[in-house]
Protein backbone atom coordinates (compact mmCIF):
# COMPACT_ATOMS: atom_id res chain seq x y z
CA UNK A 1 0.00 0.00 0.00
CA UNK A 2 1.49 3.40 -0.97
CA UNK A 3 2.54 5.58 1.93
CA UNK A 4 1.72 9.27 2.10
CA UNK A 5 5.14 10.27 3.44
CA UNK A 6 8.76 9.14 3.14
CA UNK A 7 11.18 10.50 5.72
CA UNK A 8 14.78 10.34 4.49
CA UNK A 9 17.12 10.36 7.49
CA UNK A 10 16.10 8.79 10.77
CA UNK A 11 17.84 10.99 13.30
CA UNK A 12 16.15 13.31 15.79
CA UNK A 13 14.45 15.49 13.16
CA UNK A 14 13.33 12.64 10.94
CA UNK A 15 11.95 10.50 13.74
CA UNK A 16 10.08 13.47 15.24
CA UNK A 17 8.41 14.16 11.89
CA UNK A 18 7.63 10.47 11.40
CA UNK A 19 6.11 10.28 14.87
CA UNK A 20 3.88 13.30 14.28
CA UNK A 21 2.73 12.02 10.89
CA UNK A 22 2.03 8.51 12.18
CA UNK A 23 0.04 9.94 15.08
CA UNK A 24 -2.00 11.94 12.55
CA UNK A 25 -2.92 8.75 10.70
CA UNK A 26 -0.54 9.29 7.79
CA UNK A 27 1.23 6.28 6.30
CA UNK A 28 4.96 6.81 6.83
CA UNK A 29 8.05 5.08 5.47
CA UNK A 30 11.40 5.90 7.05
CA UNK A 31 14.37 5.62 4.70
CA UNK A 32 17.96 5.34 5.85
CA UNK A 33 20.84 3.98 3.75
CA UNK A 34 22.36 2.25 6.78
CA UNK A 35 20.86 -1.26 7.18
CA UNK A 36 22.02 -1.35 10.81
CA UNK A 37 19.99 1.77 11.61
CA UNK A 38 16.97 0.29 9.88
CA UNK A 39 17.38 -2.99 11.78
CA UNK A 40 17.61 -1.17 15.12
CA UNK A 41 14.51 0.90 14.46
CA UNK A 42 12.55 -2.10 13.20
CA UNK A 43 13.48 -3.89 16.42
CA UNK A 44 12.29 -0.92 18.50
CA UNK A 45 15.74 0.33 19.41
CA UNK A 46 16.44 4.06 19.15
CA UNK A 47 19.74 5.93 19.47
CA UNK A 48 20.28 8.02 22.63
CA UNK A 49 18.57 11.37 22.44
CA UNK A 50 15.90 10.29 19.96
CA UNK A 51 12.40 9.09 20.76
CA UNK A 52 11.63 7.04 23.80
CA UNK A 53 11.46 3.33 23.04
CA UNK A 54 7.76 3.32 23.96
CA UNK A 55 7.08 6.06 21.40
CA UNK A 56 8.85 4.09 18.69
CA UNK A 57 6.85 0.97 19.54
CA UNK A 58 3.64 2.98 19.18
CA UNK A 59 4.81 4.23 15.79
CA UNK A 60 5.61 0.71 14.61
CA UNK A 61 2.24 -0.56 15.78
CA UNK A 62 0.64 2.40 13.97
CA UNK A 63 2.10 1.30 10.64
CA UNK A 64 5.45 3.11 10.50
CA UNK A 65 8.19 1.07 8.90
CA UNK A 66 11.84 1.67 8.12
CA UNK A 67 13.74 0.53 5.04
CA UNK A 68 17.09 0.86 3.29
CA UNK A 69 15.50 0.19 -0.12
CA UNK A 70 15.20 3.43 -2.14
CA UNK A 71 12.68 1.85 -4.52
CA UNK A 72 9.90 2.54 -2.02
CA UNK A 73 10.48 6.28 -2.44
CA UNK A 74 8.65 6.18 -5.76
CA UNK A 75 5.35 5.36 -4.08
CA UNK A 76 4.92 8.39 -1.81
CA UNK A 77 3.17 11.72 -2.20
CA UNK A 78 5.54 13.67 0.04
CA UNK A 79 9.26 13.16 0.73
CA UNK A 80 10.97 14.98 3.60
CA UNK A 81 14.77 15.05 3.65
CA UNK A 82 15.92 15.17 7.27
CA UNK A 83 19.54 14.10 6.76
CA UNK A 84 22.15 15.28 9.29
CA UNK A 85 24.39 18.23 8.39
CA UNK A 86 27.17 18.23 11.02
CA UNK A 87 29.90 20.85 10.85
CA UNK A 88 33.25 19.76 9.49
CA UNK A 89 36.71 20.76 10.62
CA UNK A 90 36.40 24.01 8.64
CA UNK A 91 33.08 24.76 10.45
CA UNK A 92 31.19 24.41 7.16
CA UNK A 93 28.12 22.17 7.26
CA UNK A 94 28.68 18.74 5.73
CA UNK A 95 25.94 18.35 3.11
CA UNK A 96 27.02 14.89 1.95
CA UNK A 97 24.10 13.12 3.67
CA UNK A 98 21.64 15.56 2.06
CA UNK A 99 23.24 14.85 -1.32
CA UNK A 100 23.03 11.10 -0.74
CA UNK A 101 19.34 11.36 0.18
CA UNK A 102 18.64 13.45 -2.93
CA UNK A 103 20.45 10.98 -5.17
CA UNK A 104 18.49 8.12 -3.65
CA UNK A 105 15.20 9.95 -4.21
CA UNK A 106 15.79 11.48 -7.66
CA UNK A 107 15.51 8.29 -9.81
CA UNK A 108 12.21 7.41 -8.14
CA UNK A 109 10.70 10.90 -8.06
CA UNK A 110 7.25 11.05 -9.63
CA UNK A 111 5.33 14.05 -10.97
CA UNK A 112 3.29 16.00 -8.41
CA UNK A 113 5.41 14.74 -5.48
CA UNK A 114 6.18 17.31 -2.78
CA UNK A 115 9.81 17.31 -1.63
CA UNK A 116 10.67 19.22 1.55
CA UNK A 117 14.12 19.76 3.02
CA UNK A 118 14.19 20.01 6.85
CA UNK A 119 17.92 19.67 7.52
CA UNK A 120 19.76 22.72 8.92
CA UNK A 121 21.37 24.40 5.90
CA UNK A 122 22.58 27.76 4.64
CA UNK A 123 20.25 30.10 2.71
CA UNK A 124 20.37 29.09 -0.94
CA UNK A 125 20.92 25.38 -0.33
CA UNK A 126 17.48 24.15 -1.37
CA UNK A 127 17.62 25.83 -4.77
CA UNK A 128 21.37 25.97 -5.37
CA UNK A 129 22.38 22.55 -4.07
CA UNK A 130 19.36 20.27 -3.67
CA UNK A 131 17.31 21.25 -6.73
CA UNK A 132 19.95 20.28 -9.35
CA UNK A 133 20.35 16.87 -7.72
CA UNK A 134 16.61 16.23 -7.77
CA UNK A 135 16.27 17.44 -11.37
CA UNK A 136 19.04 15.15 -12.65
CA UNK A 137 16.54 12.64 -14.06
CA UNK A 138 14.45 15.11 -16.06
CA UNK A 139 11.71 16.39 -13.76
CA UNK A 140 11.73 20.11 -12.98
CA UNK A 141 10.97 21.74 -9.64
CA UNK A 142 7.95 24.00 -9.78
CA UNK A 143 6.75 22.41 -12.99
CA UNK A 144 6.75 18.64 -12.40
CA UNK A 145 7.21 18.41 -8.63
CA UNK A 146 6.96 20.72 -5.64
CA UNK A 147 10.09 21.76 -3.74
CA UNK A 148 10.16 23.56 -0.39
CA UNK A 149 12.16 24.13 2.77
CA UNK A 150 10.83 23.89 6.32
CA UNK A 151 13.17 24.37 9.29
CA UNK A 152 12.97 21.64 11.91
CA UNK A 153 11.95 22.91 15.35
CA UNK A 154 12.83 20.47 18.11
CA UNK A 155 13.39 20.92 21.83
CA UNK A 156 14.45 17.44 23.00
CA UNK A 157 13.17 16.53 26.43
CA UNK A 158 10.64 19.39 26.55
CA UNK A 159 7.39 17.76 27.63
CA UNK A 160 5.21 20.84 27.14
CA UNK A 161 6.15 21.65 23.53
CA UNK A 162 4.60 19.31 20.98
CA UNK A 163 4.91 19.05 17.21
CA UNK A 164 1.20 19.68 16.73
CA UNK A 165 1.27 22.97 18.66
CA UNK A 166 4.56 24.30 17.24
CA UNK A 167 4.04 26.56 14.20
CA UNK A 168 5.68 25.20 11.04
CA UNK A 169 7.44 27.59 8.66
CA UNK A 170 7.44 26.65 4.96
CA UNK A 171 8.92 28.38 1.94
CA UNK A 172 8.60 27.00 -1.59
CA UNK A 173 10.48 27.28 -4.86
CA UNK A 174 7.26 28.76 -6.28
CA UNK A 175 4.02 29.90 -4.61
CA UNK A 176 2.43 26.62 -5.67
CA UNK A 177 5.29 24.73 -4.01
CA UNK A 178 4.70 26.68 -0.81
CA UNK A 179 1.00 25.80 -0.85
CA UNK A 180 1.71 22.12 -1.46
CA UNK A 181 4.08 21.98 1.51
CA UNK A 182 1.67 24.00 3.64
CA UNK A 183 -1.14 21.58 2.81
CA UNK A 184 0.97 18.67 3.98
CA UNK A 185 2.13 20.25 7.26
CA UNK A 186 -1.39 21.52 7.90
CA UNK A 187 -2.29 17.90 8.58
CA UNK A 188 0.28 17.76 11.39
CA UNK A 189 0.27 21.12 13.12
CA UNK A 190 -2.22 23.75 14.16
CA UNK A 191 -0.47 26.60 12.36
CA UNK A 192 1.58 26.85 9.17
CA UNK A 193 3.55 30.06 8.53
CA UNK A 194 4.35 30.80 4.89
CA UNK A 195 7.72 32.37 4.10
CA UNK A 196 8.28 34.24 0.84
CA UNK A 197 10.51 31.50 -0.52
CA UNK A 198 13.04 28.80 0.28
CA UNK A 199 15.83 31.26 1.11
CA UNK A 200 13.68 33.12 3.62
CA UNK A 201 12.67 29.83 5.26
CA UNK A 202 16.32 28.73 5.39
CA UNK A 203 17.27 32.08 6.93
CA UNK A 204 14.65 31.45 9.64
CA UNK A 205 16.70 28.43 10.73
CA UNK A 206 19.87 30.52 10.59
CA UNK A 207 18.29 33.20 12.82
CA UNK A 208 16.69 30.81 15.32
CA UNK A 209 19.79 28.67 15.78
CA UNK A 210 22.25 31.53 16.05
CA UNK A 211 19.94 33.46 18.38
CA UNK A 212 20.46 30.67 20.91
CA UNK A 213 24.22 30.49 20.46
CA UNK A 214 24.77 34.27 20.57
CA UNK A 215 22.70 34.72 23.71
CA UNK A 216 24.33 31.78 25.49
CA UNK A 217 27.70 33.29 24.56
CA UNK A 218 26.69 36.60 26.16
CA UNK A 219 25.56 34.75 29.29
CA UNK A 220 28.91 32.93 29.35
CA UNK A 221 30.82 36.21 29.03
CA UNK A 222 28.73 37.64 31.87
CA UNK A 223 29.59 34.59 33.99
CA UNK A 224 33.33 35.24 33.60
CA UNK A 225 32.91 39.00 34.14
CA UNK A 226 30.75 38.61 37.24
CA UNK A 227 33.10 36.08 38.80
CA UNK A 228 36.03 38.44 38.34
CA UNK A 229 34.25 41.34 40.08
CA UNK A 230 32.68 39.19 42.80
CA UNK A 231 29.06 39.42 41.63
CA UNK A 232 26.59 36.53 41.87
CA UNK A 233 25.48 36.18 38.24
CA UNK A 234 22.72 33.72 39.11
CA UNK A 235 21.12 36.31 41.38
CA UNK A 236 21.49 38.87 38.59
CA UNK A 237 19.63 36.58 36.17
CA UNK A 238 16.96 35.83 38.77
CA UNK A 239 16.25 39.52 39.14
CA UNK A 240 16.57 40.43 35.46
CA UNK A 241 14.09 37.82 34.29
CA UNK A 242 11.33 39.57 36.24
CA UNK A 243 11.34 42.26 33.54
CA UNK A 244 8.10 41.66 31.59
CA UNK A 245 9.37 43.02 28.27
CA UNK A 246 12.53 43.18 26.20
CA UNK A 247 14.42 40.43 28.04
CA UNK A 248 14.67 36.66 27.79
CA UNK A 249 16.82 34.81 30.30
CA UNK A 250 19.70 32.70 28.99
CA UNK A 251 21.99 30.91 31.40
CA UNK A 252 25.71 30.16 31.17
CA UNK A 253 27.17 26.70 31.26
CA UNK A 254 30.31 24.66 30.61
CA UNK A 255 29.73 24.82 26.84
CA UNK A 256 27.03 24.46 24.20
CA UNK A 257 26.07 20.99 23.03
CA UNK A 258 23.25 19.34 21.17
CA UNK A 259 22.39 18.75 17.53
CA UNK A 260 21.72 22.44 16.73
CA UNK A 261 25.17 23.70 15.77
CA UNK A 262 25.84 27.36 15.13
CA UNK A 263 25.22 28.14 11.45
CA UNK A 264 28.09 30.26 10.20
CA UNK A 265 27.34 31.49 6.66
CA UNK A 266 30.95 32.69 6.43
CA UNK A 267 31.84 29.02 5.93
CA UNK A 268 29.08 28.35 3.38
CA UNK A 269 30.01 26.86 0.00
CA UNK A 270 29.60 29.21 -2.96
CA UNK A 271 26.56 27.75 -4.66
CA UNK A 272 23.92 30.28 -5.63
CA UNK A 273 20.70 29.69 -7.57
CA UNK A 274 20.53 31.61 -10.86
CA UNK A 275 17.57 33.66 -9.65
CA UNK A 276 19.62 34.99 -6.73
CA UNK A 277 23.17 35.65 -8.01
CA UNK A 278 24.34 37.71 -5.03
CA UNK A 279 26.68 36.35 -2.39
CA UNK A 280 26.79 37.77 1.17
CA UNK A 281 28.58 41.09 1.25
CA UNK A 282 29.72 40.84 4.87
CA UNK A 283 30.22 38.22 7.55
CA UNK A 284 28.13 37.60 10.64
CA UNK A 285 30.68 38.66 13.23
CA UNK A 286 28.30 38.01 16.12
CA UNK A 287 28.14 34.34 15.15
CA UNK A 288 31.93 34.11 14.90
CA UNK A 289 32.34 35.72 18.31
CA UNK A 290 29.68 33.48 19.86
CA UNK A 291 31.47 30.39 18.60
CA UNK A 292 34.74 31.66 20.03
CA UNK A 293 33.22 32.48 23.43
CA UNK A 294 31.31 29.22 23.77
CA UNK A 295 34.31 27.17 22.62
CA UNK A 296 36.38 28.71 25.44
CA UNK A 297 34.02 27.60 28.22
CA UNK A 298 35.36 24.06 28.77
CA UNK A 299 38.85 25.52 29.24
CA UNK A 300 37.47 28.14 31.63
CA UNK A 301 35.66 25.50 33.69
CA UNK A 302 38.91 23.56 34.09
CA UNK A 303 40.70 26.76 35.13
CA UNK A 304 38.01 27.41 37.75
CA UNK A 305 38.33 23.82 38.98
CA UNK A 306 42.09 24.19 39.37
CA UNK A 307 41.72 27.54 41.15
CA UNK A 308 39.12 26.13 43.55
CA UNK A 309 41.40 23.24 44.46
CA UNK A 310 44.33 25.63 44.93
CA UNK A 311 42.27 27.77 47.30
CA UNK A 312 41.91 24.70 49.50
CA UNK A 313 45.58 23.71 49.34
CA UNK A 314 45.23 21.02 46.68
CA UNK A 315 46.67 20.56 43.21
CA UNK A 316 44.70 19.49 40.18
CA UNK A 317 47.45 17.02 39.35
CA UNK A 318 46.60 13.85 41.18
CA UNK A 319 43.24 15.18 42.40
CA UNK A 320 40.21 12.89 42.34
CA UNK A 321 37.55 14.64 40.26
CA UNK A 322 33.96 13.43 39.97
CA UNK A 323 32.02 14.65 36.92
CA UNK A 324 28.24 14.75 37.36
CA UNK A 325 26.17 14.62 34.17
CA UNK A 326 27.98 14.06 30.86
CA UNK A 327 25.05 14.57 28.46
CA UNK A 328 24.39 17.81 26.61
CA UNK A 329 20.95 18.37 28.14
CA UNK A 330 19.30 17.52 31.44
CA UNK A 331 17.30 14.28 31.68
CA UNK A 332 18.38 13.03 28.25
CA UNK A 333 20.90 10.39 27.22
CA UNK A 334 22.11 12.39 24.19
CA UNK A 335 25.81 13.27 24.32
CA UNK A 336 25.99 15.17 21.01
CA UNK A 337 28.46 18.01 21.44
CA UNK A 338 28.38 17.77 25.24
CA UNK A 339 31.25 19.80 26.75
CA UNK A 340 31.90 17.05 29.31
CA UNK A 341 34.24 15.19 26.95
CA UNK A 342 36.51 18.17 26.33
CA UNK A 343 36.50 19.02 30.03
CA UNK A 344 37.36 15.42 30.88
CA UNK A 345 40.15 15.42 28.31
CA UNK A 346 41.70 18.60 29.71
CA UNK A 347 41.47 17.29 33.27
CA UNK A 348 43.20 14.04 32.32
CA UNK A 349 45.92 15.92 30.45
CA UNK A 350 46.57 17.97 33.60
CA UNK A 351 46.94 14.83 35.69
CA UNK A 352 43.55 14.55 37.42
CA UNK A 353 42.02 11.18 38.28
CA UNK A 354 38.52 11.04 36.79
CA UNK A 355 35.34 9.22 37.60
CA UNK A 356 31.81 10.13 36.51
CA UNK A 357 28.16 9.63 37.30
CA UNK A 358 25.23 9.96 34.94
CA UNK A 359 21.95 8.05 35.31
CA UNK A 360 21.54 8.02 31.52
CA UNK A 361 25.06 6.96 30.50
CA UNK A 362 26.13 3.48 31.63
CA UNK A 363 29.57 3.72 29.98
CA UNK A 364 31.71 6.71 29.07
CA UNK A 365 35.10 7.12 27.42
CA UNK A 366 37.54 10.02 27.23
CA UNK A 367 40.68 9.99 25.07
CA UNK A 368 39.63 6.53 23.95
CA UNK A 369 39.89 5.12 27.45
CA UNK A 370 37.05 4.14 29.78
CA UNK A 371 36.28 6.44 32.70
CA UNK A 372 35.21 4.64 35.91
CA UNK A 373 31.53 5.07 36.72
CA UNK A 374 30.62 5.82 40.33
CA UNK A 375 28.33 3.13 41.70
CA UNK A 376 27.42 5.07 44.82
CA UNK A 377 26.99 8.77 44.11
CA UNK A 378 27.15 9.77 47.78
CA UNK A 379 30.34 7.83 48.47
CA UNK A 380 32.00 9.07 45.29
CA UNK A 381 31.21 12.70 46.15
CA UNK A 382 32.59 12.25 49.66
CA UNK A 383 35.80 10.66 48.36
CA UNK A 384 36.45 13.06 45.48
CA UNK A 385 38.64 16.10 46.03
CA UNK A 386 36.33 17.97 43.67
CA UNK A 387 32.83 17.27 42.36
CA UNK A 388 32.06 19.07 39.13
CA UNK A 389 28.39 19.43 38.16
CA UNK A 390 28.20 19.63 34.37
CA UNK A 391 24.55 18.67 33.88
CA UNK A 392 21.69 19.00 36.31
CA UNK A 393 19.61 15.84 35.99
CA UNK A 394 16.45 15.92 38.07
CA UNK A 395 17.49 12.79 39.97
CA UNK A 396 20.38 14.66 41.61
CA UNK A 397 19.79 15.82 45.18
CA UNK A 398 22.10 18.80 44.92
CA UNK A 399 21.50 20.08 48.44
CA UNK A 400 22.52 16.69 49.82
CA UNK A 401 25.47 16.45 47.43
CA UNK A 402 26.68 19.89 48.49
CA UNK A 403 26.86 18.59 52.06
CA UNK A 404 28.59 15.33 51.11
CA UNK A 405 31.12 16.72 48.62
CA UNK A 406 34.47 18.02 49.81
CA UNK A 407 34.32 20.71 47.10
CA UNK A 408 31.52 21.26 44.59
CA UNK A 409 31.76 23.45 41.48
CA UNK A 410 28.32 23.99 39.97
CA UNK A 411 28.42 25.06 36.30
CA UNK A 412 24.61 25.18 36.01
CA UNK A 413 23.64 27.44 38.90
CA UNK A 414 21.42 24.66 40.25
CA UNK A 415 22.64 24.45 43.84
CA UNK A 416 21.29 26.72 46.59
CA UNK A 417 23.18 29.98 47.01
CA UNK A 418 26.17 29.51 49.30
CA UNK A 419 26.06 25.70 49.08
CA UNK A 420 28.83 25.45 46.47
CA UNK A 421 31.10 27.40 44.18
CA UNK A 422 29.08 28.40 41.12
CA UNK A 423 30.19 29.32 37.61
């Protein structure tokens, strides 16, 4: 039986879309070129940070199925490309998975199909990069099939924000393409917001993602500044967020992790659709600065740890350091981009003895060597020269840990004032 939707790429974004569509009664096929990924999903196993296993089981019982066979892509009405676009060493997004998905779809593309790109990309990617790949077998976007971009909007672990209540932005290659994409997403969400075109919709993702990184960077700079002048930043934030207009509270931390990487158009490849021949005339300096500031935070946390030990007559070399929480976000198992690994690496290089505790991570490695996991959190905190809170999981009794720990450095501002040293 033909499915309504094919989701190409079964990571966080793809599985979230597949879950919403399945729940809405839409027939969904998930395509991934990796047979191992398909086998895991078919067996009800999901990678850390994705759906809960129970959610995946409900999807499977609702008709969702995963496959590595691209032939099934020719039997769908809508195809959503949700392939990952991680940054490379040059900070440019790696579009190879998007290209692979497009090449898998193109030979099977049928007239009147709606193709939507949801992966984080630079403005111009849908028309300048994706469209030529899809048109390689003769069909033309806007004439034979619909092409659009819709930025993924996920907040992993947020139990109050749902796909159906989150507005969906869509921008098409033509007005008809926009309407086709809007008609599809209108079946999944209460509100569809139409952008003027694909580039505007892509720029929405650029703005939303970098808004987070820039504001976290400012909070991180304030953390360093306030520590140097002896001001309690966490009290400052508590007071500032009472302002009912013109302010949104962002909090500092040991670094910025997660799947939503900063989108730096300065590193974008030079593809430009013929209809829009202009390239950016200036760089986004705020994004560059935010990346620099946020990338410095793991080093700063280690410096604070060493200083705290020194204040109590201890050296970081040889010190027993307990790391609490090694995931990128509270109450999730996802370790994508979590600053804990760089912090652990720097501590080991400076001679510290590491152990860790995380209720969501049964095994953890740093510098390709296993780090001992604390069986008893209370005993480990009492024995460690320094306990370093990197992620505040709800299961942690921080008031009790502050009493048990010899020294506690809280990078999340989660402990009661005066109970520990805070970032």
